[in-house]
Protein backbone atom coordinates (compact mmCIF):
# COMPACT_ATOMS: atom_id res chain seq x y z
CA UNK A 1 157.47 123.50 102.47
CA UNK A 2 157.28 120.80 105.13
CA UNK A 3 160.18 118.67 106.10
CA UNK A 4 159.44 115.06 104.97
CA UNK A 5 160.87 113.74 108.22
CA UNK A 6 158.32 115.66 110.28
CA UNK A 7 155.46 114.32 108.11
CA UNK A 8 156.58 110.73 108.66
CA UNK A 9 157.13 111.26 112.35
CA UNK A 10 153.62 112.64 112.78
CA UNK A 11 152.05 109.56 111.19
CA UNK A 12 154.24 107.06 112.98
CA UNK A 13 152.82 108.28 116.27
CA UNK A 14 149.23 107.40 115.30
CA UNK A 15 147.82 104.59 117.35
CA UNK A 16 145.27 102.04 116.06
CA UNK A 17 141.71 103.21 116.57
CA UNK A 18 142.61 106.88 116.60
CA UNK A 19 141.26 109.23 113.96
CA UNK A 20 143.51 110.56 111.27
CA UNK A 21 143.18 112.40 107.99
CA UNK A 22 143.88 109.25 105.97
CA UNK A 23 141.49 106.92 107.76
CA UNK A 24 138.53 109.23 107.27
CA UNK A 25 137.68 109.75 110.90
CA UNK A 26 137.26 107.53 113.89
CA UNK A 27 137.50 103.80 113.71
CA UNK A 28 134.28 101.95 112.88
CA UNK A 29 135.07 99.16 115.35
CA UNK A 30 134.37 100.19 118.93
CA UNK A 31 135.40 98.30 122.02
CA UNK A 32 131.81 97.77 123.15
CA UNK A 33 130.49 96.46 119.78
CA UNK A 34 129.54 92.85 120.25
CA UNK A 35 129.12 90.42 117.40
CA UNK A 36 125.86 89.21 118.95
CA UNK A 37 124.39 92.70 118.84
CA UNK A 38 125.37 93.09 115.20
CA UNK A 39 123.92 89.63 114.44
CA UNK A 40 120.65 90.60 116.14
CA UNK A 41 120.53 93.86 114.18
CA UNK A 42 121.13 91.93 110.94
CA UNK A 43 118.26 89.54 111.76
CA UNK A 44 115.93 92.49 112.36
CA UNK A 45 116.96 94.08 109.06
CA UNK A 46 116.34 90.80 107.20
CA UNK A 47 112.94 90.64 108.89
CA UNK A 48 112.07 94.01 107.37
CA UNK A 49 113.66 93.29 103.99
CA UNK A 50 111.77 90.08 103.22
CA UNK A 51 108.24 91.60 103.32
CA UNK A 52 109.42 94.53 101.19
CA UNK A 53 110.82 92.16 98.56
CA UNK A 54 107.59 90.10 98.73
CA UNK A 55 105.42 93.19 98.14
CA UNK A 56 107.61 94.32 95.25
CA UNK A 57 107.37 90.91 93.58
CA UNK A 58 103.58 90.87 94.08
CA UNK A 59 103.34 94.27 92.39
CA UNK A 60 105.43 93.07 89.45
CA UNK A 61 103.17 90.01 89.01
CA UNK A 62 100.07 92.25 88.97
CA UNK A 63 101.63 94.47 86.29
CA UNK A 64 102.63 91.43 84.22
CA UNK A 65 99.09 89.99 84.44
CA UNK A 66 97.61 93.34 83.39
CA UNK A 67 99.92 93.60 80.36
CA UNK A 68 99.20 89.97 79.41
CA UNK A 69 95.45 90.54 79.67
CA UNK A 70 95.69 93.69 77.53
CA UNK A 71 97.73 91.77 74.94
CA UNK A 72 95.07 89.01 74.80
CA UNK A 73 92.04 91.34 74.80
CA UNK A 74 93.32 93.86 72.25
CA UNK A 75 91.54 94.00 68.91
CA UNK A 76 93.70 94.83 65.89
CA UNK A 77 92.14 96.75 63.01
CA UNK A 78 93.85 97.50 59.75
CA UNK A 79 92.79 101.12 59.33
CA UNK A 80 91.59 103.85 61.70
CA UNK A 81 88.69 104.44 59.30
CA UNK A 82 87.34 100.90 59.83
CA UNK A 83 86.32 101.47 63.47
CA UNK A 84 82.85 100.19 64.27
CA UNK A 85 80.49 100.91 67.15
CA UNK A 86 80.97 97.34 68.34
CA UNK A 87 84.53 98.27 69.33
CA UNK A 88 83.40 100.80 71.94
CA UNK A 89 84.82 100.19 75.43
CA UNK A 90 87.40 97.74 74.05
CA UNK A 91 91.14 98.02 73.68
CA UNK A 92 91.77 98.69 70.00
CA UNK A 93 95.14 98.62 68.24
CA UNK A 94 95.63 100.32 64.91
CA UNK A 95 98.47 101.77 62.91
CA UNK A 96 98.47 104.66 60.51
CA UNK A 97 97.60 108.35 60.57
CA UNK A 98 94.82 109.49 62.87
CA UNK A 99 93.04 112.81 62.91
CA UNK A 100 90.01 114.43 64.52
CA UNK A 101 87.58 117.12 63.44
CA UNK A 102 87.67 118.74 66.88
CA UNK A 103 90.71 119.62 68.99
CA UNK A 104 91.33 117.09 71.71
């Protein structure tokens, strides 16, 4: 078992910026990091982020328009047996049991 005094004395000798077990490694702040460089890097990252957000929003609007169009164009029928040939190539909504003569 370790002497508690030796444990404390080891950690009192640590200097700021040095790596230790408790700090998780070396310090993240380096002497040569300038705030202007970090600001410039942040501006570049924002420059890449804005078009990505724009494209994602555009995709979501396309999906919303497609769902809205399908909702407006859908034809509701009361029974699957009341399907007519006029409903071919249309979006048809029905509820109930469906079956086929041939395996699908």
